[in-house]
């Protein structure tokens, strides 16, 4: 069961109602998420951009809180109910690689913000990058960077970003 299961969210809601700050934390930075919680009770992933539209259209489309799905403790917004249903049917097809962190950063053992403004869809997978300069560096060796990132992700996935 993921960390935002029903019992955990009920405990978090009670803590908030009591005025405490004892909210559950994501397991040591495994996902690049916004601070705070969405109405769904989980932090927002992919900066609110619809991951299904990104992968299927190759285009950045802002999602809406009206169409929210939570996967592995991360809330994702979608442009339409159809996209939300597609995601719920097979989330692994749409979630950003490397937990949504910058793929180039992960390739060198770091967890930097992955900005959907700088992204690539390769072989049906979504990769994010920190900024334009890093995205341009990725363009020089896309396959090599992805391979290094996949190898490093297995090593750093459960490590807090601040410890890298």
N, C-alpha and C. Protein backbone atom coordinates (compact mmCIF):
# COMPACT_ATOMS: atom_id res chain seq x y z
N UNK A 1 0.85 -1.18 0.00
CA UNK A 1 0.00 0.00 0.00
C UNK A 1 0.89 1.24 0.00
N UNK A 2 0.54 2.24 -0.79
CA UNK A 2 1.38 3.44 -0.82
C UNK A 2 1.17 4.26 0.46
N UNK A 3 2.04 5.25 0.65
CA UNK A 3 2.03 5.99 1.91
C UNK A 3 0.81 6.88 2.10
N UNK A 4 0.04 7.10 1.06
CA UNK A 4 -1.15 7.93 1.20
C UNK A 4 -2.41 7.07 1.15
N UNK A 5 -2.35 5.87 1.76
CA UNK A 5 -3.51 5.01 1.84
C UNK A 5 -4.59 5.67 2.69
N UNK A 6 -5.75 5.07 2.73
CA UNK A 6 -6.89 5.69 3.41
C UNK A 6 -6.60 5.96 4.88
N UNK A 7 -5.98 5.02 5.58
CA UNK A 7 -5.72 5.23 6.99
C UNK A 7 -4.75 6.39 7.19
N UNK A 8 -3.73 6.48 6.37
CA UNK A 8 -2.75 7.55 6.50
C UNK A 8 -3.41 8.90 6.24
N UNK A 9 -4.23 9.01 5.21
CA UNK A 9 -4.87 10.29 4.90
C UNK A 9 -5.86 10.67 6.00
N UNK A 10 -6.53 9.70 6.57
CA UNK A 10 -7.44 10.02 7.67
C UNK A 10 -6.64 10.56 8.85
N UNK A 11 -5.49 9.98 9.13
CA UNK A 11 -4.63 10.47 10.21
C UNK A 11 -4.14 11.87 9.91
N UNK A 12 -3.77 12.12 8.65
CA UNK A 12 -3.29 13.45 8.24
C UNK A 12 -4.40 14.48 8.40
N UNK A 13 -5.62 14.10 8.01
CA UNK A 13 -6.75 15.02 8.12
C UNK A 13 -7.02 15.35 9.59
N UNK A 14 -6.94 14.34 10.45
CA UNK A 14 -7.14 14.58 11.88
C UNK A 14 -6.04 15.48 12.43
N UNK A 15 -4.81 15.27 11.98
CA UNK A 15 -3.69 16.11 12.44
C UNK A 15 -3.91 17.56 12.01
N UNK A 16 -4.38 17.76 10.78
CA UNK A 16 -4.65 19.12 10.31
C UNK A 16 -5.77 19.75 11.11
N UNK A 17 -6.82 18.98 11.35
CA UNK A 17 -7.95 19.51 12.10
C UNK A 17 -7.54 19.89 13.51
N UNK A 18 -6.58 19.15 14.06
CA UNK A 18 -6.10 19.43 15.41
C UNK A 18 -5.09 20.57 15.43
N UNK A 19 -4.71 21.04 14.23
CA UNK A 19 -3.77 22.15 14.16
C UNK A 19 -2.32 21.73 14.25
N UNK A 20 -2.03 20.46 14.06
CA UNK A 20 -0.64 20.01 14.09
C UNK A 20 -0.11 19.91 12.67
N UNK A 21 1.19 19.69 12.57
CA UNK A 21 1.81 19.61 11.24
C UNK A 21 2.35 18.21 10.98
N UNK A 22 1.80 17.22 11.61
CA UNK A 22 2.30 15.86 11.47
C UNK A 22 1.75 15.19 10.21
N UNK A 23 2.10 15.75 9.06
CA UNK A 23 1.67 15.17 7.79
C UNK A 23 2.66 14.10 7.35
N UNK A 24 2.19 13.07 6.66
CA UNK A 24 3.12 12.06 6.17
C UNK A 24 4.01 12.67 5.09
N UNK A 25 5.25 12.27 5.05
CA UNK A 25 6.19 12.77 4.04
C UNK A 25 6.36 11.72 2.96
N UNK A 26 6.62 12.16 1.76
CA UNK A 26 6.93 11.21 0.70
C UNK A 26 8.20 10.48 1.09
N UNK A 27 8.29 9.23 0.68
CA UNK A 27 9.47 8.44 0.99
C UNK A 27 10.70 9.07 0.34
N UNK A 28 11.48 9.68 1.12
CA UNK A 28 12.74 10.36 0.79
C UNK A 28 12.91 10.82 -0.65
N UNK A 29 12.09 11.73 -1.06
CA UNK A 29 12.27 12.37 -2.37
C UNK A 29 12.25 11.42 -3.55
N UNK A 30 11.38 10.43 -3.57
CA UNK A 30 11.33 9.52 -4.70
C UNK A 30 10.63 10.15 -5.90
N UNK A 31 9.87 11.21 -5.64
CA UNK A 31 9.16 11.91 -6.70
C UNK A 31 9.41 13.40 -6.57
N UNK A 32 9.52 14.04 -7.70
CA UNK A 32 9.67 15.49 -7.75
C UNK A 32 8.26 16.09 -7.69
N UNK A 33 7.91 16.65 -6.55
CA UNK A 33 6.56 17.17 -6.36
C UNK A 33 6.59 18.60 -5.81
N UNK A 34 5.48 19.28 -5.99
CA UNK A 34 5.32 20.62 -5.43
C UNK A 34 5.15 20.51 -3.92
N UNK A 35 5.54 21.55 -3.21
CA UNK A 35 5.31 21.53 -1.77
C UNK A 35 3.82 21.72 -1.50
N UNK A 36 3.37 21.26 -0.38
CA UNK A 36 1.95 21.34 -0.05
C UNK A 36 1.18 20.17 -0.63
N UNK A 37 -0.09 20.15 -0.33
CA UNK A 37 -0.94 19.05 -0.78
C UNK A 37 -2.05 19.57 -1.68
N UNK A 38 -2.48 18.74 -2.60
CA UNK A 38 -3.63 19.05 -3.44
C UNK A 38 -4.90 18.70 -2.66
N UNK A 39 -6.04 19.01 -3.24
CA UNK A 39 -7.31 18.65 -2.61
C UNK A 39 -7.45 17.13 -2.48
N UNK A 40 -6.70 16.40 -3.30
CA UNK A 40 -6.74 14.93 -3.24
C UNK A 40 -5.92 14.41 -2.06
N UNK A 41 -5.22 15.31 -1.35
CA UNK A 41 -4.46 14.89 -0.18
C UNK A 41 -3.04 14.45 -0.48
N UNK A 42 -2.57 14.67 -1.69
CA UNK A 42 -1.21 14.27 -2.09
C UNK A 42 -0.54 15.46 -2.78
N UNK A 43 0.78 15.52 -2.73
CA UNK A 43 1.48 16.60 -3.43
C UNK A 43 1.36 16.46 -4.94
N UNK A 44 1.47 17.57 -5.64
CA UNK A 44 1.28 17.63 -7.09
C UNK A 44 2.56 17.27 -7.83
N UNK A 45 2.43 16.39 -8.79
CA UNK A 45 3.54 16.01 -9.65
C UNK A 45 3.45 16.67 -11.01
N UNK A 46 4.54 16.71 -11.71
CA UNK A 46 4.65 17.21 -13.09
C UNK A 46 4.17 18.65 -13.23
N UNK A 47 4.27 19.42 -12.14
CA UNK A 47 3.91 20.85 -12.15
C UNK A 47 2.47 21.08 -12.63
N UNK A 48 1.61 20.06 -12.51
CA UNK A 48 0.22 20.20 -12.93
C UNK A 48 -0.03 19.99 -14.41
N UNK A 49 0.99 19.57 -15.14
CA UNK A 49 0.84 19.30 -16.57
C UNK A 49 0.28 17.89 -16.76
N UNK A 50 -0.60 17.72 -17.72
CA UNK A 50 -1.25 16.44 -18.02
C UNK A 50 -0.23 15.46 -18.63
N UNK A 51 0.14 14.38 -17.91
CA UNK A 51 1.13 13.45 -18.44
C UNK A 51 0.63 12.64 -19.64
N UNK A 52 -0.66 12.38 -19.71
CA UNK A 52 -1.20 11.62 -20.84
C UNK A 52 -1.09 12.45 -22.11
N UNK A 53 -1.48 13.71 -22.06
CA UNK A 53 -1.35 14.58 -23.23
C UNK A 53 0.10 14.71 -23.65
N UNK A 54 0.99 14.78 -22.66
CA UNK A 54 2.41 14.91 -22.97
C UNK A 54 2.91 13.70 -23.76
N UNK A 55 2.61 12.51 -23.27
CA UNK A 55 3.12 11.29 -23.90
C UNK A 55 2.41 11.03 -25.23
N UNK A 56 1.11 11.21 -25.29
CA UNK A 56 0.38 10.86 -26.51
C UNK A 56 0.48 11.93 -27.59
N UNK A 57 0.50 13.20 -27.19
CA UNK A 57 0.55 14.29 -28.16
C UNK A 57 1.94 14.89 -28.31
N UNK A 58 2.81 14.60 -27.33
CA UNK A 58 4.12 15.22 -27.33
C UNK A 58 4.04 16.71 -27.07
N UNK A 59 2.97 17.11 -26.38
CA UNK A 59 2.70 18.53 -26.18
C UNK A 59 2.36 18.79 -24.72
N UNK A 60 2.85 19.89 -24.19
CA UNK A 60 2.58 20.26 -22.81
C UNK A 60 1.20 20.91 -22.72
N UNK A 61 0.31 20.26 -21.98
CA UNK A 61 -1.06 20.75 -21.78
C UNK A 61 -1.30 20.80 -20.28
N UNK A 62 -1.70 21.96 -19.77
CA UNK A 62 -1.99 22.07 -18.35
C UNK A 62 -3.20 21.23 -17.99
N UNK A 63 -3.09 20.53 -16.86
CA UNK A 63 -4.22 19.77 -16.35
C UNK A 63 -5.06 20.64 -15.44
N UNK A 64 -6.11 20.05 -14.91
CA UNK A 64 -7.03 20.75 -14.03
C UNK A 64 -7.28 19.90 -12.79
N UNK A 65 -7.44 20.56 -11.66
CA UNK A 65 -7.74 19.85 -10.42
C UNK A 65 -9.06 19.08 -10.50
N UNK A 66 -9.94 19.48 -11.44
CA UNK A 66 -11.21 18.75 -11.63
C UNK A 66 -10.97 17.31 -12.04
N UNK A 67 -9.83 17.07 -12.70
CA UNK A 67 -9.49 15.73 -13.19
C UNK A 67 -8.18 15.32 -12.54
N UNK A 68 -8.25 14.79 -11.33
CA UNK A 68 -7.07 14.42 -10.56
C UNK A 68 -7.04 12.93 -10.31
N UNK A 69 -5.87 12.34 -10.47
CA UNK A 69 -5.66 10.94 -10.09
C UNK A 69 -4.41 10.90 -9.21
N UNK A 70 -4.42 10.03 -8.23
CA UNK A 70 -3.27 9.86 -7.35
C UNK A 70 -2.66 8.50 -7.63
N UNK A 71 -1.35 8.52 -7.86
CA UNK A 71 -0.61 7.29 -8.08
C UNK A 71 0.64 7.31 -7.21
N UNK A 72 0.81 6.30 -6.42
CA UNK A 72 1.99 6.14 -5.58
C UNK A 72 2.25 7.38 -4.72
N UNK A 73 1.17 7.98 -4.22
CA UNK A 73 1.28 9.13 -3.33
C UNK A 73 1.48 10.47 -4.01
N UNK A 74 1.37 10.51 -5.33
CA UNK A 74 1.55 11.75 -6.09
C UNK A 74 0.27 12.03 -6.87
N UNK A 75 -0.21 13.28 -6.78
CA UNK A 75 -1.41 13.69 -7.54
C UNK A 75 -0.99 14.21 -8.90
N UNK A 76 -1.72 13.81 -9.93
CA UNK A 76 -1.50 14.30 -11.29
C UNK A 76 -2.80 14.92 -11.78
N UNK A 77 -2.68 16.03 -12.48
CA UNK A 77 -3.83 16.72 -13.07
C UNK A 77 -3.92 16.37 -14.54
N UNK A 78 -5.16 16.35 -15.05
CA UNK A 78 -5.42 15.99 -16.44
C UNK A 78 -6.32 17.02 -17.10
N UNK A 79 -6.18 17.15 -18.39
CA UNK A 79 -6.97 18.08 -19.17
C UNK A 79 -8.40 17.58 -19.34
N UNK A 80 -8.59 16.27 -19.28
CA UNK A 80 -9.92 15.70 -19.50
C UNK A 80 -10.11 14.45 -18.65
N UNK A 81 -11.35 14.07 -18.48
CA UNK A 81 -11.67 12.83 -17.76
C UNK A 81 -11.14 11.62 -18.53
N UNK A 82 -11.17 11.67 -19.86
CA UNK A 82 -10.63 10.57 -20.67
C UNK A 82 -9.15 10.36 -20.40
N UNK A 83 -8.39 11.45 -20.31
CA UNK A 83 -6.96 11.33 -20.01
C UNK A 83 -6.74 10.76 -18.61
N UNK A 84 -7.55 11.17 -17.68
CA UNK A 84 -7.46 10.65 -16.32
C UNK A 84 -7.70 9.14 -16.31
N UNK A 85 -8.72 8.69 -17.02
CA UNK A 85 -9.04 7.27 -17.08
C UNK A 85 -7.90 6.50 -17.75
N UNK A 86 -7.34 7.05 -18.82
CA UNK A 86 -6.20 6.40 -19.49
C UNK A 86 -5.04 6.23 -18.51
N UNK A 87 -4.78 7.27 -17.74
CA UNK A 87 -3.70 7.22 -16.76
C UNK A 87 -3.98 6.15 -15.71
N UNK A 88 -5.19 6.15 -15.19
CA UNK A 88 -5.55 5.19 -14.14
C UNK A 88 -5.46 3.75 -14.64
N UNK A 89 -5.73 3.54 -15.93
CA UNK A 89 -5.63 2.20 -16.51
C UNK A 89 -4.19 1.71 -16.59
N UNK A 90 -3.24 2.62 -16.86
CA UNK A 90 -1.84 2.21 -16.99
C UNK A 90 -0.91 3.38 -16.65
N UNK A 91 -0.80 3.71 -15.35
CA UNK A 91 0.02 4.87 -14.97
C UNK A 91 1.48 4.75 -15.38
N UNK A 92 2.04 3.56 -15.37
CA UNK A 92 3.45 3.40 -15.72
C UNK A 92 3.76 3.86 -17.14
N UNK A 93 2.77 3.90 -17.99
CA UNK A 93 2.96 4.37 -19.37
C UNK A 93 3.15 5.89 -19.42
N UNK A 94 2.65 6.60 -18.42
CA UNK A 94 2.59 8.05 -18.50
C UNK A 94 3.43 8.81 -17.47
N UNK A 95 3.73 8.21 -16.34
CA UNK A 95 4.47 8.97 -15.33
C UNK A 95 5.87 9.31 -15.85
N UNK A 96 6.38 10.47 -15.45
CA UNK A 96 7.71 10.86 -15.91
C UNK A 96 8.77 9.91 -15.37
N UNK A 97 9.79 9.68 -16.16
CA UNK A 97 10.89 8.83 -15.75
C UNK A 97 11.68 9.50 -14.63
N UNK A 98 12.42 8.70 -13.89
CA UNK A 98 13.29 9.19 -12.82
C UNK A 98 12.52 10.01 -11.78
N UNK A 99 11.30 9.59 -11.50
CA UNK A 99 10.50 10.26 -10.49
C UNK A 99 10.12 11.69 -10.84
N UNK A 100 10.32 12.08 -12.10
CA UNK A 100 10.01 13.45 -12.52
C UNK A 100 11.16 14.42 -12.27
N UNK A 101 12.28 13.90 -11.81
CA UNK A 101 13.46 14.75 -11.64
C UNK A 101 14.15 14.92 -13.00
N UNK A 102 15.04 15.89 -13.08
CA UNK A 102 15.80 16.17 -14.29
C UNK A 102 16.61 14.93 -14.69
N UNK A 103 16.36 14.41 -15.88
CA UNK A 103 17.04 13.20 -16.34
C UNK A 103 18.54 13.41 -16.45
N UNK A 104 18.96 14.57 -16.92
CA UNK A 104 20.40 14.84 -17.01
C UNK A 104 21.01 14.87 -15.61
N UNK A 105 20.32 15.50 -14.67
CA UNK A 105 20.80 15.52 -13.29
C UNK A 105 20.94 14.12 -12.72
N UNK A 106 19.93 13.28 -12.94
CA UNK A 106 19.98 11.90 -12.46
C UNK A 106 21.15 11.16 -13.12
N UNK A 107 21.45 11.48 -14.37
CA UNK A 107 22.56 10.81 -15.06
C UNK A 107 23.91 11.11 -14.42
N UNK A 108 23.98 12.20 -13.65
CA UNK A 108 25.22 12.53 -12.93
C UNK A 108 25.04 12.37 -11.42
N UNK A 109 23.98 11.65 -11.02
CA UNK A 109 23.78 11.31 -9.61
C UNK A 109 23.13 12.38 -8.76
N UNK A 110 22.37 13.30 -9.37
CA UNK A 110 21.70 14.37 -8.63
C UNK A 110 20.20 14.34 -8.88
N UNK A 111 19.45 14.98 -8.00
CA UNK A 111 18.00 15.12 -8.16
C UNK A 111 17.67 16.61 -8.26
N UNK A 112 17.61 17.11 -9.49
CA UNK A 112 17.23 18.49 -9.73
C UNK A 112 15.79 18.52 -10.21
N UNK A 113 15.15 19.67 -10.08
CA UNK A 113 13.77 19.83 -10.54
C UNK A 113 13.66 19.46 -12.02
N UNK A 114 12.62 18.75 -12.36
CA UNK A 114 12.31 18.47 -13.76
C UNK A 114 11.20 19.41 -14.19
N UNK A 115 11.51 20.31 -15.10
CA UNK A 115 10.56 21.33 -15.55
C UNK A 115 9.90 20.87 -16.84
N UNK A 116 8.57 20.69 -16.86
CA UNK A 116 7.88 20.22 -18.07
C UNK A 116 8.07 21.14 -19.28
N UNK A 117 8.55 22.34 -19.06
CA UNK A 117 8.83 23.23 -20.18
C UNK A 117 10.02 22.70 -21.01
N UNK A 118 10.86 21.89 -20.36
CA UNK A 118 12.03 21.31 -21.02
C UNK A 118 11.91 19.80 -20.90
N UNK A 119 11.30 19.19 -21.90
CA UNK A 119 11.00 17.77 -21.82
C UNK A 119 11.15 17.11 -23.18
N UNK A 120 11.29 15.79 -23.13
CA UNK A 120 11.36 15.00 -24.35
C UNK A 120 10.58 13.71 -24.12
N UNK A 121 9.90 13.26 -25.16
CA UNK A 121 9.25 11.96 -25.14
C UNK A 121 10.04 11.09 -26.11
N UNK A 122 10.65 10.05 -25.57
CA UNK A 122 11.44 9.13 -26.39
C UNK A 122 10.97 7.71 -26.11
N UNK A 123 10.71 6.97 -27.18
CA UNK A 123 10.22 5.59 -27.05
C UNK A 123 9.02 5.52 -26.12
N UNK A 124 8.15 6.54 -26.20
CA UNK A 124 6.93 6.56 -25.42
C UNK A 124 7.12 6.90 -23.95
N UNK A 125 8.31 7.35 -23.57
CA UNK A 125 8.58 7.69 -22.17
C UNK A 125 8.90 9.18 -22.05
N UNK A 126 8.45 9.76 -20.94
CA UNK A 126 8.59 11.19 -20.69
C UNK A 126 9.81 11.47 -19.82
N UNK A 127 10.68 12.34 -20.33
CA UNK A 127 11.89 12.75 -19.61
C UNK A 127 11.85 14.26 -19.42
N UNK A 128 12.18 14.71 -18.21
CA UNK A 128 12.16 16.14 -17.89
C UNK A 128 13.58 16.64 -17.62
N UNK A 129 13.74 17.98 -17.75
CA UNK A 129 15.05 18.58 -17.58
C UNK A 129 14.94 19.87 -16.78
N UNK A 130 16.03 20.28 -16.17
CA UNK A 130 16.07 21.43 -15.29
C UNK A 130 15.81 22.75 -16.00
N UNK A 131 16.46 22.95 -17.14
CA UNK A 131 16.35 24.22 -17.86
C UNK A 131 16.79 24.02 -19.31
N UNK A 132 16.77 25.09 -20.08
CA UNK A 132 17.10 24.99 -21.50
C UNK A 132 18.55 24.56 -21.72
N UNK A 133 19.46 25.07 -20.94
CA UNK A 133 20.88 24.72 -21.09
C UNK A 133 21.09 23.21 -20.88
N UNK A 134 20.49 22.67 -19.85
CA UNK A 134 20.61 21.24 -19.56
C UNK A 134 19.91 20.44 -20.65
N UNK A 135 18.77 20.91 -21.12
CA UNK A 135 18.06 20.22 -22.20
C UNK A 135 18.93 20.15 -23.46
N UNK A 136 19.62 21.23 -23.76
CA UNK A 136 20.52 21.25 -24.93
C UNK A 136 21.68 20.28 -24.73
N UNK A 137 22.20 20.18 -23.52
CA UNK A 137 23.28 19.21 -23.23
C UNK A 137 22.77 17.79 -23.45
N UNK A 138 21.54 17.53 -23.06
CA UNK A 138 20.92 16.21 -23.27
C UNK A 138 20.85 15.87 -24.75
N UNK A 139 20.58 16.87 -25.59
CA UNK A 139 20.43 16.64 -27.03
C UNK A 139 21.71 16.07 -27.66
N UNK A 140 22.85 16.32 -27.05
CA UNK A 140 24.13 15.86 -27.60
C UNK A 140 24.33 14.35 -27.47
N UNK A 141 23.70 13.74 -26.46
CA UNK A 141 23.83 12.29 -26.26
C UNK A 141 22.58 11.77 -25.55
N UNK A 142 21.48 11.79 -26.25
CA UNK A 142 20.20 11.43 -25.64
C UNK A 142 20.20 9.99 -25.12
N UNK A 143 20.59 9.04 -25.96
CA UNK A 143 20.55 7.64 -25.53
C UNK A 143 21.52 7.39 -24.38
N UNK A 144 22.71 7.97 -24.45
CA UNK A 144 23.70 7.79 -23.39
C UNK A 144 23.24 8.38 -22.08
N UNK A 145 22.63 9.56 -22.13
CA UNK A 145 22.14 10.22 -20.92
C UNK A 145 21.03 9.39 -20.28
N UNK A 146 20.11 8.90 -21.10
CA UNK A 146 19.00 8.09 -20.58
C UNK A 146 19.53 6.80 -19.96
N UNK A 147 20.50 6.19 -20.58
CA UNK A 147 21.08 4.94 -20.05
C UNK A 147 21.77 5.20 -18.70
N UNK A 148 22.55 6.27 -18.62
CA UNK A 148 23.22 6.62 -17.35
C UNK A 148 22.19 6.95 -16.28
N UNK A 149 21.15 7.68 -16.66
CA UNK A 149 20.11 8.04 -15.69
C UNK A 149 19.41 6.79 -15.15
N UNK A 150 19.10 5.85 -16.03
CA UNK A 150 18.42 4.62 -15.58
C UNK A 150 19.31 3.86 -14.59
N UNK A 151 20.59 3.80 -14.87
CA UNK A 151 21.52 3.10 -13.98
C UNK A 151 21.61 3.85 -12.63
N UNK A 152 21.75 5.18 -12.68
CA UNK A 152 21.86 5.95 -11.44
C UNK A 152 20.57 5.99 -10.65
N UNK A 153 19.43 5.99 -11.34
CA UNK A 153 18.15 6.07 -10.63
C UNK A 153 18.00 4.91 -9.66
N UNK A 154 18.42 3.73 -10.07
CA UNK A 154 18.33 2.57 -9.18
C UNK A 154 19.14 2.80 -7.91
N UNK A 155 20.22 3.57 -8.01
CA UNK A 155 21.09 3.83 -6.85
C UNK A 155 20.57 4.97 -5.98
N UNK A 156 19.97 5.99 -6.58
CA UNK A 156 19.61 7.20 -5.81
C UNK A 156 18.12 7.37 -5.55
N UNK A 157 17.30 6.51 -6.09
CA UNK A 157 15.85 6.66 -5.99
C UNK A 157 15.38 6.90 -4.56
N UNK A 158 15.92 6.18 -3.62
CA UNK A 158 15.45 6.27 -2.22
C UNK A 158 16.33 7.18 -1.37
N UNK A 159 17.12 8.03 -1.99
CA UNK A 159 18.00 8.96 -1.28
C UNK A 159 17.43 10.37 -1.38
N UNK A 160 17.40 11.07 -0.28
CA UNK A 160 16.92 12.45 -0.28
C UNK A 160 17.78 13.31 -1.19
N UNK A 161 17.16 14.20 -1.94
CA UNK A 161 17.87 15.06 -2.88
C UNK A 161 18.97 15.85 -2.20
N UNK A 162 18.74 16.33 -1.00
CA UNK A 162 19.73 17.13 -0.28
C UNK A 162 20.97 16.33 0.10
N UNK A 163 20.88 15.02 0.09
CA UNK A 163 22.03 14.19 0.47
C UNK A 163 22.87 13.79 -0.73
N UNK A 164 22.50 14.20 -1.90
CA UNK A 164 23.27 13.82 -3.10
C UNK A 164 24.27 14.89 -3.48
